[in-house]
Protein backbone atom coordinates (compact mmCIF):
# COMPACT_ATOMS: atom_id res chain seq x y z
CA UNK A 1 -0.35 0.18 0.33
CA UNK A 2 2.42 3.23 -1.21
CA UNK A 3 -0.48 5.17 -1.03
CA UNK A 4 -1.04 5.06 2.60
CA UNK A 5 2.52 4.79 3.38
CA UNK A 6 2.73 8.36 1.17
CA UNK A 7 -0.38 10.01 2.83
CA UNK A 8 1.24 8.89 6.76
CA UNK A 9 4.18 10.70 5.49
CA UNK A 10 2.51 13.61 4.20
CA UNK A 11 0.80 13.58 7.64
CA UNK A 12 3.08 12.92 10.04
CA UNK A 13 5.56 16.00 7.70
CA UNK A 14 2.12 18.93 7.99
CA UNK A 15 1.87 17.81 11.69
CA UNK A 16 5.34 18.28 12.44
CA UNK A 17 5.31 21.57 11.09
CA UNK A 18 1.57 22.42 12.27
CA UNK A 19 2.01 20.93 16.15
CA UNK A 20 5.00 21.01 17.96
CA UNK A 21 7.19 17.97 19.21
CA UNK A 22 5.17 16.71 22.42
CA UNK A 23 1.83 17.18 19.85
CA UNK A 24 3.21 15.24 17.34
CA UNK A 25 3.90 12.37 19.70
CA UNK A 26 0.55 12.35 20.88
CA UNK A 27 -0.91 12.44 17.40
CA UNK A 28 1.59 9.68 16.26
CA UNK A 29 0.34 7.34 19.01
CA UNK A 30 -3.47 7.83 17.73
CA UNK A 31 -2.18 7.67 14.33
CA UNK A 32 -0.56 4.32 14.37
CA UNK A 33 -3.41 2.61 16.62
CA UNK A 34 -5.59 3.58 14.66
CA UNK A 35 -3.47 2.31 11.73
CA UNK A 36 -2.70 -0.84 13.33
CA UNK A 37 -6.65 -1.22 13.72
CA UNK A 38 -7.01 -0.40 9.94
CA UNK A 39 -4.65 -3.13 8.63
CA UNK A 40 -5.82 -5.59 10.97
């Protein structure tokens, strides 16, 4: 799923630029959990 990886990378970059490192870390955890659930 290259498109999914691309979307995640783009969102990560946007989050890093728009949000602070602490917020990004929090968002990363939530996003990772959501991705894991979707993959399952």
